[in-house]
Amino acid sequence: MHKWEAGQLLVASLAAAGLMLCAASEPAAQGRGLTRVVYEFAVTSYCGTLDPAVEAGFQAELKAVTERSGLDSEAARQQRIRGWVEAEREWRNRGLGGNRAWCAGEGVEAARHFQAIARGERQP
């Protein structure tokens, strides 16, 4: 095996391990974890779709998901931070022109999701 092949194998193994750790931190039974909820709320902020109903829906879902998660306060805090960081990275990755499609897709969908919770049409 060549040296560069060994390096590629190591990188691929580490990437796979990282993906498994991320998946484990957001249990499937919860559906939407804290990181995802905060990420979507941050997207509404970046995209200008944040309004009082979005805020109310976010707060309701954040409370419900936090209670269901069973995480201690520090673990919950870390997941919330991860959501903000992931949104920031995505915003920076898109660039100015690329944000339009992101906002028209994820930004609008996230706002609708939180608004539906605020109206009582969807459970948090």
Foldseek 3Di string as FASTA:
>chain_A
DDPVVVVVVVVVVVVVVVVVVVCVLADVVLPDALLNLLLLLLLLVVLVVDDPLLVQLSVQVNVVRVVVVPDDPVSSVVSNVNSNVVNVVVVVVQPDVRSVVVCVPSNVVSSVNSNCSSVVNDHD
